Amino acid sequence: MLTLETRDYGTIEYEESDLIHFTDGLFGFTELKDYIPLVLDENEDNTILLLQSIANTDIAFVVVNPFSLDPDYDPVLSPEELSYLHVKSENDLSYYVICVLRNNYLENTVNMKAPVVINPDKRIGMQVILNDSEYEFRKKLSSFSAVQEGLTQSAANA
């Protein structure tokens, strides 16, 4: 069992086999290759994760399953990307979009254009750009109907 002292989550324990390796890193963080996925809410599934860098514990990314936001999300990867991830089909992969958190939560955005794509069996991933799509780099979270319903429900319960 390995341990990692994080800035926001204290000491976490993990196995080497828990890591997800990004050979090319993530955009803007090419030197950081290995991340541990952390579930933010024990009662949740893997809809929202924190990708915690192992090499730099100040770096962590909140990632969201894009299908929970937009059930019609349809990323298409190139044959080279599928080969790189050691799969034959997009259906063998897990997809996450990076969330940018702002002080005003209504300004939070997700990057639907450049998802993080993971082969859960091989524990490898890459960030791709969906060039032939209309997806946005900075799509407001509040624009998704699933998020709007959650905000309405939260307001009703307050």
Protein backbone atom coordinates (compact mmCIF):
# COMPACT_ATOMS: atom_id res chain seq x y z
CA MET A 1 0.00 0.00 0.00
CA LEU A 2 1.34 3.42 -1.00
CA THR A 3 0.41 6.72 0.61
CA LEU A 4 0.17 10.23 -0.77
CA GLU A 5 -0.21 13.43 1.22
CA THR A 6 -2.62 15.70 -0.67
CA ARG A 7 -3.39 19.36 -0.11
CA ASP A 8 -7.17 19.02 0.01
CA TYR A 9 -7.83 15.39 0.99
CA GLY A 10 -5.11 14.63 3.51
CA THR A 11 -3.36 11.28 3.33
CA ILE A 12 -4.72 8.82 0.81
CA GLU A 13 -3.73 5.20 0.40
CA TYR A 14 -3.59 3.54 -2.97
CA GLU A 15 -2.12 0.62 -4.87
CA GLU A 16 0.11 1.05 -7.92
CA SER A 17 -2.66 -0.72 -9.88
CA ASP A 18 -5.10 2.12 -8.99
CA LEU A 19 -3.13 4.66 -11.03
CA ILE A 20 -4.16 5.87 -14.46
CA HIS A 21 -1.17 6.57 -16.70
CA PHE A 22 -1.28 9.36 -19.31
CA THR A 23 1.80 8.87 -21.50
CA ASP A 24 1.46 12.40 -22.90
CA GLY A 25 0.04 13.94 -19.73
CA LEU A 26 -2.97 16.26 -19.92
CA PHE A 27 -3.04 19.49 -21.93
CA GLY A 28 -0.89 22.04 -20.12
CA PHE A 29 0.44 19.40 -17.72
CA THR A 30 2.48 17.14 -20.00
CA GLU A 31 5.07 16.45 -17.29
CA LEU A 32 2.45 14.88 -14.97
CA LYS A 33 1.78 11.33 -16.13
CA ASP A 34 0.17 9.40 -13.24
CA TYR A 35 -3.09 10.17 -11.49
CA ILE A 36 -5.17 8.46 -8.84
CA PRO A 37 -8.94 8.72 -9.40
CA LEU A 38 -10.78 9.66 -6.20
CA VAL A 39 -14.53 9.39 -5.78
CA LEU A 40 -15.68 12.67 -4.24
CA ASP A 41 -18.83 11.32 -2.60
CA GLU A 42 -18.89 7.81 -1.14
CA ASN A 43 -22.61 7.57 -1.97
CA GLU A 44 -22.03 8.42 -5.63
CA ASP A 45 -21.00 6.28 -8.54
CA ASN A 46 -18.13 7.46 -10.73
CA THR A 47 -20.06 10.40 -12.18
CA ILE A 48 -17.72 12.94 -10.56
CA LEU A 49 -14.09 12.12 -9.82
CA LEU A 50 -11.01 13.95 -8.75
CA LEU A 51 -7.92 13.05 -10.79
CA GLN A 52 -5.15 13.63 -8.26
CA SER A 53 -1.62 13.95 -9.62
CA ILE A 54 0.90 11.71 -7.90
CA ALA A 55 3.95 13.78 -8.88
CA ASN A 56 2.52 17.18 -7.86
CA THR A 57 -0.08 16.97 -5.10
CA ASP A 58 -1.13 20.60 -5.71
CA ILE A 59 -2.59 19.48 -9.05
CA ALA A 60 -5.96 17.75 -9.18
CA PHE A 61 -8.74 17.91 -11.75
CA VAL A 62 -12.45 17.61 -11.10
CA VAL A 63 -13.83 15.48 -13.92
CA VAL A 64 -17.43 14.67 -14.76
CA ASN A 65 -18.94 11.86 -16.80
CA PRO A 66 -20.24 13.82 -19.82
CA PHE A 67 -23.13 11.40 -20.39
CA SER A 68 -24.59 12.43 -17.01
CA LEU A 69 -24.76 15.98 -18.39
CA ASP A 70 -25.72 15.23 -21.98
CA PRO A 71 -27.06 11.71 -22.70
CA ASP A 72 -26.59 12.43 -26.42
CA TYR A 73 -22.87 13.17 -26.09
CA ASP A 74 -21.22 11.30 -28.95
CA PRO A 75 -17.43 11.50 -29.01
CA VAL A 76 -15.82 9.91 -32.05
CA LEU A 77 -12.17 8.92 -31.77
CA SER A 78 -9.79 8.35 -34.65
CA PRO A 79 -8.48 4.86 -35.40
CA GLU A 80 -5.07 6.06 -34.14
CA GLU A 81 -6.56 7.17 -30.81
CA LEU A 82 -8.38 3.86 -30.39
CA SER A 83 -5.16 2.00 -31.17
CA TYR A 84 -3.22 4.16 -28.71
CA LEU A 85 -5.74 3.21 -26.01
CA HIS A 86 -5.63 -0.49 -27.04
CA VAL A 87 -9.33 -0.81 -27.88
CA LYS A 88 -11.38 -1.51 -30.99
CA SER A 89 -14.39 0.64 -30.08
CA GLU A 90 -15.25 3.85 -28.24
CA ASN A 91 -17.67 1.73 -26.17
CA ASP A 92 -14.71 0.09 -24.39
CA LEU A 93 -13.64 3.42 -22.90
CA SER A 94 -14.65 5.73 -20.06
CA TYR A 95 -15.07 9.43 -20.77
CA TYR A 96 -14.69 12.42 -18.48
CA VAL A 97 -14.75 16.15 -19.08
CA ILE A 98 -12.65 18.53 -17.02
CA CYS A 99 -14.64 20.95 -14.90
CA VAL A 100 -13.33 24.46 -14.27
CA LEU A 101 -14.62 25.66 -10.90
CA ARG A 102 -15.26 29.36 -10.37
CA ASN A 103 -16.08 31.33 -7.22
CA ASN A 104 -19.62 31.76 -8.58
CA TYR A 105 -20.77 28.18 -9.16
CA LEU A 106 -23.12 29.37 -11.92
CA GLU A 107 -19.97 30.21 -13.93
CA ASN A 108 -18.50 26.66 -13.67
CA THR A 109 -17.68 25.19 -17.08
CA VAL A 110 -16.81 21.82 -18.58
CA ASN A 111 -14.63 21.09 -21.57
CA MET A 112 -16.85 18.96 -23.82
CA LYS A 113 -14.49 19.46 -26.80
CA ALA A 114 -11.42 17.83 -25.20
CA PRO A 115 -12.51 14.89 -23.03
CA VAL A 116 -10.22 12.73 -20.95
CA VAL A 117 -10.57 9.20 -22.31
CA ILE A 118 -9.58 6.19 -20.21
CA ASN A 119 -9.18 2.50 -20.94
CA PRO A 120 -10.33 1.17 -17.53
CA ASP A 121 -8.86 -2.30 -18.14
CA LYS A 122 -5.35 -1.13 -19.09
CA ARG A 123 -5.44 1.92 -16.73
CA ILE A 124 -4.18 4.22 -19.48
CA GLY A 125 -5.68 7.44 -20.75
CA MET A 126 -5.31 10.41 -22.99
CA GLN A 127 -6.96 13.75 -23.56
CA VAL A 128 -8.30 14.15 -27.09
CA ILE A 129 -9.70 17.03 -29.11
CA LEU A 130 -12.94 16.22 -30.92
CA ASN A 131 -12.12 18.24 -34.04
CA ASP A 132 -15.14 17.25 -36.10
CA SER A 133 -17.71 18.27 -33.51
CA GLU A 134 -19.66 21.28 -32.34
CA TYR A 135 -18.78 20.67 -28.68
CA GLU A 136 -17.47 23.62 -26.68
CA PHE A 137 -14.25 24.07 -24.72
CA ARG A 138 -16.10 26.10 -22.07
CA LYS A 139 -19.69 24.94 -21.78
CA LYS A 140 -21.44 26.34 -18.71
CA LEU A 141 -22.54 23.60 -16.35
CA SER A 142 -25.72 25.56 -15.64
CA SER A 143 -26.74 25.19 -19.31
CA PHE A 144 -27.32 21.42 -18.97
CA SER A 145 -30.89 20.39 -18.17
CA ALA A 146 -29.67 17.75 -15.66
CA VAL A 147 -27.84 20.48 -13.72
CA GLN A 148 -30.81 22.87 -13.96
CA GLU A 149 -33.10 20.16 -12.54
CA GLY A 150 -30.64 19.59 -9.67
CA LEU A 151 -30.48 23.32 -8.90
CA THR A 152 -34.29 23.56 -8.95
CA GLN A 153 -34.55 20.51 -6.66
CA SER A 154 -31.98 21.98 -4.25
CA ALA A 155 -33.86 25.29 -4.12
CA ALA A 156 -37.17 23.48 -3.48
CA ASN A 157 -35.63 21.49 -0.60
CA ALA A 158 -34.09 24.59 1.04
